[in-house]
Amino acid sequence: MKVKTSITLSQELLREIDTLPAPHANRSAFLETAAWAYIEQLRREEQAARDLEILNRRADYFNAEMADTLLYQVAL
C-alpha cells in the first residue's frame, strides 16, 4: 500500500534526480528504490558488524586452531 507523504529536499538533489536516465516513472519511484537500496545496505552493514564481533570474540580459538594446523604442514 502506498501512502502519500511530504518531504523536503534540496533543489540541487531534485535537479540531479530529474537528469538521471533511470527507468523510473517519476521521482517517487526513484526515491522509493533509493530508500530500499539504502535500507538493504544498512542491514548488510549491521550483519557484517555482528559477524566481525563474533570473529573477534573467537579470534584466540581460531588462531590456536591455525597454529595447530600449521604443525602438520610438510616442508617442500
PDB file of N, CA and C in Angstrom:
ATOM      1  N   MET A   1       0.839  -1.166   0.000  1.00  0.00           N
ATOM      2  CA  MET A   1       0.000   0.000   0.000  1.00  0.00           C
ATOM      3  C   MET A   1       0.890   1.237   0.000  1.00  0.00           C
ATOM      4  N   LYS A   2       0.572   2.162  -0.840  1.00  0.00           N
ATOM      5  CA  LYS A   2       1.306   3.424  -0.928  1.00  0.00           C
ATOM      6  C   LYS A   2       0.620   4.453  -0.035  1.00  0.00           C
ATOM      7  N   VAL A   3       1.431   5.284   0.619  1.00  0.00           N
ATOM      8  CA  VAL A   3       0.925   6.352   1.469  1.00  0.00           C
ATOM      9  C   VAL A   3       1.544   7.655   0.984  1.00  0.00           C
ATOM     10  N   LYS A   4       0.726   8.630   0.774  1.00  0.00           N
ATOM     11  CA  LYS A   4       1.223   9.926   0.330  1.00  0.00           C
ATOM     12  C   LYS A   4       1.865  10.629   1.514  1.00  0.00           C
ATOM     13  N   THR A   5       3.056  11.194   1.278  1.00  0.00           N
ATOM     14  CA  THR A   5       3.767  11.899   2.330  1.00  0.00           C
ATOM     15  C   THR A   5       4.440  13.125   1.732  1.00  0.00           C
ATOM     16  N   SER A   6       4.971  13.943   2.566  1.00  0.00           N
ATOM     17  CA  SER A   6       5.659  15.148   2.114  1.00  0.00           C
ATOM     18  C   SER A   6       7.051  15.162   2.724  1.00  0.00           C
ATOM     19  N   ILE A   7       8.045  15.412   1.884  1.00  0.00           N
ATOM     20  CA  ILE A   7       9.423  15.520   2.364  1.00  0.00           C
ATOM     21  C   ILE A   7      10.036  16.780   1.772  1.00  0.00           C
ATOM     22  N   THR A   8      11.101  17.250   2.374  1.00  0.00           N
ATOM     23  CA  THR A   8      11.791  18.431   1.891  1.00  0.00           C
ATOM     24  C   THR A   8      13.164  18.018   1.387  1.00  0.00           C
ATOM     25  N   LEU A   9      13.447  18.342   0.131  1.00  0.00           N
ATOM     26  CA  LEU A   9      14.729  18.019  -0.494  1.00  0.00           C
ATOM     27  C   LEU A   9      15.315  19.277  -1.105  1.00  0.00           C
ATOM     28  N   SER A  10      16.610  19.296  -1.252  1.00  0.00           N
ATOM     29  CA  SER A  10      17.255  20.447  -1.877  1.00  0.00           C
ATOM     30  C   SER A  10      16.947  20.481  -3.373  1.00  0.00           C
ATOM     31  N   GLN A  11      16.952  21.680  -3.922  1.00  0.00           N
ATOM     32  CA  GLN A  11      16.725  21.834  -5.356  1.00  0.00           C
ATOM     33  C   GLN A  11      17.811  21.117  -6.150  1.00  0.00           C
ATOM     34  N   GLU A  12      19.033  21.157  -5.629  1.00  0.00           N
ATOM     35  CA  GLU A  12      20.151  20.502  -6.312  1.00  0.00           C
ATOM     36  C   GLU A  12      19.900  18.995  -6.437  1.00  0.00           C
ATOM     37  N   LEU A  13      19.422  18.365  -5.362  1.00  0.00           N
ATOM     38  CA  LEU A  13      19.138  16.931  -5.411  1.00  0.00           C
ATOM     39  C   LEU A  13      18.023  16.629  -6.406  1.00  0.00           C
ATOM     40  N   LEU A  14      16.981  17.421  -6.384  1.00  0.00           N
ATOM     41  CA  LEU A  14      15.884  17.206  -7.330  1.00  0.00           C
ATOM     42  C   LEU A  14      16.350  17.360  -8.782  1.00  0.00           C
ATOM     43  N   ARG A  15      17.207  18.338  -9.035  1.00  0.00           N
ATOM     44  CA  ARG A  15      17.741  18.510 -10.392  1.00  0.00           C
ATOM     45  C   ARG A  15      18.531  17.277 -10.806  1.00  0.00           C
ATOM     46  N   GLU A  16      19.332  16.747  -9.889  1.00  0.00           N
ATOM     47  CA  GLU A  16      20.123  15.555 -10.194  1.00  0.00           C
ATOM     48  C   GLU A  16      19.218  14.358 -10.493  1.00  0.00           C
ATOM     49  N   ILE A  17      18.197  14.178  -9.673  1.00  0.00           N
ATOM     50  CA  ILE A  17      17.258  13.074  -9.894  1.00  0.00           C
ATOM     51  C   ILE A  17      16.590  13.220 -11.255  1.00  0.00           C
ATOM     52  N   ASP A  18      16.185  14.440 -11.577  1.00  0.00           N
ATOM     53  CA  ASP A  18      15.488  14.678 -12.837  1.00  0.00           C
ATOM     54  C   ASP A  18      16.374  14.474 -14.063  1.00  0.00           C
ATOM     55  N   THR A  19      17.695  14.589 -13.899  1.00  0.00           N
ATOM     56  CA  THR A  19      18.587  14.435 -15.055  1.00  0.00           C
ATOM     57  C   THR A  19      19.050  12.994 -15.256  1.00  0.00           C
ATOM     58  N   LEU A  20      18.794  12.123 -14.271  1.00  0.00           N
ATOM     59  CA  LEU A  20      19.231  10.735 -14.400  1.00  0.00           C
ATOM     60  C   LEU A  20      18.407   9.981 -15.447  1.00  0.00           C
ATOM     61  N   PRO A  21      19.090   9.184 -16.248  1.00  0.00           N
ATOM     62  CA  PRO A  21      18.359   8.380 -17.236  1.00  0.00           C
ATOM     63  C   PRO A  21      17.847   7.078 -16.624  1.00  0.00           C
ATOM     64  N   ALA A  22      17.272   7.190 -15.451  1.00  0.00           N
ATOM     65  CA  ALA A  22      16.797   5.996 -14.741  1.00  0.00           C
ATOM     66  C   ALA A  22      15.490   5.493 -15.346  1.00  0.00           C
ATOM     67  N   PRO A  23      15.236   4.214 -15.198  1.00  0.00           N
ATOM     68  CA  PRO A  23      13.992   3.648 -15.736  1.00  0.00           C
ATOM     69  C   PRO A  23      12.793   3.857 -14.811  1.00  0.00           C
ATOM     70  N   HIS A  24      12.849   4.881 -13.974  1.00  0.00           N
ATOM     71  CA  HIS A  24      11.773   5.122 -13.023  1.00  0.00           C
ATOM     72  C   HIS A  24      10.739   6.049 -13.637  1.00  0.00           C
ATOM     73  N   ALA A  25       9.495   5.818 -13.315  1.00  0.00           N
ATOM     74  CA  ALA A  25       8.400   6.601 -13.886  1.00  0.00           C
ATOM     75  C   ALA A  25       8.391   8.032 -13.356  1.00  0.00           C
ATOM     76  N   ASN A  26       8.841   8.206 -12.114  1.00  0.00           N
ATOM     77  CA  ASN A  26       8.782   9.545 -11.513  1.00  0.00           C
ATOM     78  C   ASN A  26       9.728   9.621 -10.318  1.00  0.00           C
ATOM     79  N   ARG A  27       9.760  10.776  -9.706  1.00  0.00           N
ATOM     80  CA  ARG A  27      10.630  10.977  -8.535  1.00  0.00           C
ATOM     81  C   ARG A  27      10.275  10.023  -7.409  1.00  0.00           C
ATOM     82  N   SER A  28       9.001   9.818  -7.185  1.00  0.00           N
ATOM     83  CA  SER A  28       8.576   8.940  -6.093  1.00  0.00           C
ATOM     84  C   SER A  28       9.133   7.534  -6.276  1.00  0.00           C
ATOM     85  N   ALA A  29       9.059   7.019  -7.501  1.00  0.00           N
ATOM     86  CA  ALA A  29       9.585   5.683  -7.767  1.00  0.00           C
ATOM     87  C   ALA A  29      11.091   5.649  -7.550  1.00  0.00           C
ATOM     88  N   PHE A  30      11.776   6.698  -7.996  1.00  0.00           N
ATOM     89  CA  PHE A  30      13.219   6.763  -7.804  1.00  0.00           C
ATOM     90  C   PHE A  30      13.575   6.785  -6.320  1.00  0.00           C
ATOM     91  N   LEU A  31      12.902   7.652  -5.559  1.00  0.00           N
ATOM     92  CA  LEU A  31      13.210   7.783  -4.137  1.00  0.00           C
ATOM     93  C   LEU A  31      12.867   6.522  -3.361  1.00  0.00           C
ATOM     94  N   GLU A  32      11.789   5.835  -3.738  1.00  0.00           N
ATOM     95  CA  GLU A  32      11.455   4.585  -3.065  1.00  0.00           C
ATOM     96  C   GLU A  32      12.526   3.530  -3.333  1.00  0.00           C
ATOM     97  N   THR A  33      12.961   3.435  -4.578  1.00  0.00           N
ATOM     98  CA  THR A  33      14.025   2.484  -4.927  1.00  0.00           C
ATOM     99  C   THR A  33      15.309   2.812  -4.167  1.00  0.00           C
ATOM    100  N   ALA A  34      15.638   4.100  -4.108  1.00  0.00           N
ATOM    101  CA  ALA A  34      16.850   4.519  -3.397  1.00  0.00           C
ATOM    102  C   ALA A  34      16.749   4.218  -1.903  1.00  0.00           C
ATOM    103  N   ALA A  35      15.590   4.457  -1.321  1.00  0.00           N
ATOM    104  CA  ALA A  35      15.401   4.187   0.112  1.00  0.00           C
ATOM    105  C   ALA A  35      15.541   2.701   0.410  1.00  0.00           C
ATOM    106  N   TRP A  36      14.932   1.848  -0.430  1.00  0.00           N
ATOM    107  CA  TRP A  36      15.042   0.396  -0.219  1.00  0.00           C
ATOM    108  C   TRP A  36      16.494  -0.062  -0.345  1.00  0.00           C
ATOM    109  N   ALA A  37      17.205   0.487  -1.330  1.00  0.00           N
ATOM    110  CA  ALA A  37      18.614   0.120  -1.513  1.00  0.00           C
ATOM    111  C   ALA A  37      19.432   0.529  -0.295  1.00  0.00           C
ATOM    112  N   TYR A  38      19.159   1.709   0.256  1.00  0.00           N
ATOM    113  CA  TYR A  38      19.891   2.172   1.428  1.00  0.00           C
ATOM    114  C   TYR A  38      19.565   1.310   2.650  1.00  0.00           C
ATOM    115  N   ILE A  39      18.313   0.944   2.812  1.00  0.00           N
ATOM    116  CA  ILE A  39      17.918   0.059   3.922  1.00  0.00           C
ATOM    117  C   ILE A  39      18.639  -1.280   3.811  1.00  0.00           C
ATOM    118  N   GLU A  40      18.701  -1.843   2.615  1.00  0.00           N
ATOM    119  CA  GLU A  40      19.421  -3.114   2.415  1.00  0.00           C
ATOM    120  C   GLU A  40      20.897  -2.959   2.749  1.00  0.00           C
ATOM    121  N   GLN A  41      21.493  -1.824   2.347  1.00  0.00           N
ATOM    122  CA  GLN A  41      22.900  -1.573   2.665  1.00  0.00           C
ATOM    123  C   GLN A  41      23.109  -1.503   4.172  1.00  0.00           C
ATOM    124  N   LEU A  42      22.227  -0.804   4.877  1.00  0.00           N
ATOM    125  CA  LEU A  42      22.349  -0.708   6.336  1.00  0.00           C
ATOM    126  C   LEU A  42      22.220  -2.075   6.999  1.00  0.00           C
ATOM    127  N   ARG A  43      21.305  -2.896   6.511  1.00  0.00           N
ATOM    128  CA  ARG A  43      21.151  -4.241   7.078  1.00  0.00           C
ATOM    129  C   ARG A  43      22.387  -5.088   6.836  1.00  0.00           C
ATOM    130  N   ARG A  44      22.971  -4.988   5.630  1.00  0.00           N
ATOM    131  CA  ARG A  44      24.208  -5.741   5.346  1.00  0.00           C
ATOM    132  C   ARG A  44      25.336  -5.275   6.254  1.00  0.00           C
ATOM    133  N   GLU A  45      25.433  -3.956   6.479  1.00  0.00           N
ATOM    134  CA  GLU A  45      26.467  -3.426   7.360  1.00  0.00           C
ATOM    135  C   GLU A  45      26.267  -3.905   8.793  1.00  0.00           C
ATOM    136  N   GLU A  46      25.015  -3.952   9.243  1.00  0.00           N
ATOM    137  CA  GLU A  46      24.720  -4.471  10.588  1.00  0.00           C
ATOM    138  C   GLU A  46      25.136  -5.934  10.707  1.00  0.00           C
ATOM    139  N   GLN A  47      24.819  -6.736   9.688  1.00  0.00           N
ATOM    140  CA  GLN A  47      25.178  -8.153   9.705  1.00  0.00           C
ATOM    141  C   GLN A  47      26.689  -8.312   9.688  1.00  0.00           C
ATOM    142  N   ALA A  48      27.372  -7.508   8.877  1.00  0.00           N
ATOM    143  CA  ALA A  48      28.836  -7.574   8.818  1.00  0.00           C
ATOM    144  C   ALA A  48      29.445  -7.213  10.172  1.00  0.00           C
ATOM    145  N   ALA A  49      28.874  -6.231  10.853  1.00  0.00           N
ATOM    146  CA  ALA A  49      29.374  -5.845  12.180  1.00  0.00           C
ATOM    147  C   ALA A  49      29.164  -6.972  13.185  1.00  0.00           C
ATOM    148  N   ARG A  50      28.002  -7.636  13.115  1.00  0.00           N
ATOM    149  CA  ARG A  50      27.754  -8.776  14.015  1.00  0.00           C
ATOM    150  C   ARG A  50      28.732  -9.915  13.723  1.00  0.00           C
ATOM    151  N   ASP A  51      28.948 -10.194  12.431  1.00  0.00           N
ATOM    152  CA  ASP A  51      29.885 -11.255  12.060  1.00  0.00           C
ATOM    153  C   ASP A  51      31.295 -10.935  12.536  1.00  0.00           C
ATOM    154  N   LEU A  52      31.711  -9.677  12.366  1.00  0.00           N
ATOM    155  CA  LEU A  52      33.044  -9.276  12.809  1.00  0.00           C
ATOM    156  C   LEU A  52      33.182  -9.408  14.318  1.00  0.00           C
ATOM    157  N   GLU A  53      32.137  -9.062  15.053  1.00  0.00           N
ATOM    158  CA  GLU A  53      32.171  -9.193  16.514  1.00  0.00           C
ATOM    159  C   GLU A  53      32.341 -10.657  16.912  1.00  0.00           C
ATOM    160  N   ILE A  54      31.656 -11.545  16.216  1.00  0.00           N
ATOM    161  CA  ILE A  54      31.790 -12.980  16.504  1.00  0.00           C
ATOM    162  C   ILE A  54      33.207 -13.446  16.197  1.00  0.00           C
ATOM    163  N   LEU A  55      33.733 -13.053  15.041  1.00  0.00           N
ATOM    164  CA  LEU A  55      35.091 -13.448  14.677  1.00  0.00           C
ATOM    165  C   LEU A  55      36.109 -12.909  15.674  1.00  0.00           C
ATOM    166  N   ASN A  56      35.958 -11.660  16.079  1.00  0.00           N
ATOM    167  CA  ASN A  56      36.886 -11.074  17.042  1.00  0.00           C
ATOM    168  C   ASN A  56      36.790 -11.770  18.398  1.00  0.00           C
ATOM    169  N   ARG A  57      35.571 -12.123  18.797  1.00  0.00           N
ATOM    170  CA  ARG A  57      35.387 -12.806  20.070  1.00  0.00           C
ATOM    171  C   ARG A  57      36.042 -14.188  20.050  1.00  0.00           C
ATOM    172  N   ARG A  58      36.057 -14.827  18.881  1.00  0.00           N
ATOM    173  CA  ARG A  58      36.607 -16.173  18.749  1.00  0.00           C
ATOM    174  C   ARG A  58      38.024 -16.186  18.181  1.00  0.00           C
ATOM    175  N   ALA A  59      38.657 -15.031  18.050  1.00  0.00           N
ATOM    176  CA  ALA A  59      39.965 -14.929  17.401  1.00  0.00           C
ATOM    177  C   ALA A  59      41.015 -15.825  18.053  1.00  0.00           C
ATOM    178  N   ASP A  60      41.066 -15.850  19.374  1.00  0.00           N
ATOM    179  CA  ASP A  60      42.070 -16.679  20.047  1.00  0.00           C
ATOM    180  C   ASP A  60      41.892 -18.151  19.690  1.00  0.00           C
ATOM    181  N   TYR A  61      40.652 -18.606  19.655  1.00  0.00           N
ATOM    182  CA  TYR A  61      40.375 -20.006  19.293  1.00  0.00           C
ATOM    183  C   TYR A  61      40.811 -20.279  17.857  1.00  0.00           C
ATOM    184  N   PHE A  62      40.411 -19.389  16.925  1.00  0.00           N
ATOM    185  CA  PHE A  62      40.765 -19.585  15.518  1.00  0.00           C
ATOM    186  C   PHE A  62      42.278 -19.555  15.311  1.00  0.00           C
ATOM    187  N   ASN A  63      42.960 -18.656  16.011  1.00  0.00           N
ATOM    188  CA  ASN A  63      44.416 -18.577  15.892  1.00  0.00           C
ATOM    189  C   ASN A  63      45.086 -19.840  16.429  1.00  0.00           C
ATOM    190  N   ALA A  64      44.578 -20.382  17.517  1.00  0.00           N
ATOM    191  CA  ALA A  64      45.132 -21.625  18.060  1.00  0.00           C
ATOM    192  C   ALA A  64      44.894 -22.777  17.094  1.00  0.00           C
ATOM    193  N   GLU A  65      43.715 -22.837  16.493  1.00  0.00           N
ATOM    194  CA  GLU A  65      43.425 -23.887  15.506  1.00  0.00           C
ATOM    195  C   GLU A  65      44.373 -23.784  14.322  1.00  0.00           C
ATOM    196  N   MET A  66      44.606 -22.562  13.848  1.00  0.00           N
ATOM    197  CA  MET A  66      45.506 -22.381  12.707  1.00  0.00           C
ATOM    198  C   MET A  66      46.935 -22.764  13.071  1.00  0.00           C
ATOM    199  N   ALA A  67      47.368 -22.396  14.255  1.00  0.00           N
ATOM    200  CA  ALA A  67      48.719 -22.761  14.688  1.00  0.00           C
ATOM    201  C   ALA A  67      48.859 -24.276  14.749  1.00  0.00           C
ATOM    202  N   ASP A  68      47.846 -24.959  15.258  1.00  0.00           N
ATOM    203  CA  ASP A  68      47.872 -26.416  15.313  1.00  0.00           C
ATOM    204  C   ASP A  68      47.908 -27.008  13.908  1.00  0.00           C
ATOM    205  N   THR A  69      47.126 -26.464  13.022  1.00  0.00           N
ATOM    206  CA  THR A  69      47.080 -26.972  11.642  1.00  0.00           C
ATOM    207  C   THR A  69      48.433 -26.806  10.964  1.00  0.00           C
ATOM    208  N   LEU A  70      49.102 -25.684  11.220  1.00  0.00           N
ATOM    209  CA  LEU A  70      50.403 -25.433  10.592  1.00  0.00           C
ATOM    210  C   LEU A  70      51.472 -26.435  11.043  1.00  0.00           C
ATOM    211  N   LEU A  71      51.292 -27.025  12.217  1.00  0.00           N
ATOM    212  CA  LEU A  71      52.236 -28.023  12.697  1.00  0.00           C
ATOM    213  C   LEU A  71      52.257 -29.255  11.797  1.00  0.00           C
ATOM    214  N   TYR A  72      51.154 -29.503  11.100  1.00  0.00           N
ATOM    215  CA  TYR A  72      51.060 -30.687  10.233  1.00  0.00           C
ATOM    216  C   TYR A  72      51.570 -30.432   8.819  1.00  0.00           C
ATOM    217  N   GLN A  73      51.985 -29.209   8.544  1.00  0.00           N
ATOM    218  CA  GLN A  73      52.447 -28.889   7.200  1.00  0.00           C
ATOM    219  C   GLN A  73      53.799 -29.516   6.945  1.00  0.00           C
ATOM    220  N   VAL A  74      53.957 -30.022   5.737  1.00  0.00           N
ATOM    221  CA  VAL A  74      55.207 -30.660   5.356  1.00  0.00           C
ATOM    222  C   VAL A  74      56.035 -29.672   4.553  1.00  0.00           C
ATOM    223  N   ALA A  75      57.303 -29.554   4.871  1.00  0.00           N
ATOM    224  CA  ALA A  75      58.191 -28.678   4.112  1.00  0.00           C
ATOM    225  C   ALA A  75      58.390 -29.237   2.712  1.00  0.00           C
ATOM    226  N   LEU A  76      58.367 -28.382   1.740  1.00  0.00           N
ATOM    227  CA  LEU A  76      58.567 -28.812   0.360  1.00  0.00           C
ATOM    228  C   LEU A  76      59.994 -28.630  -0.081  1.00  0.00           C
TER     229      LEU A  76
END
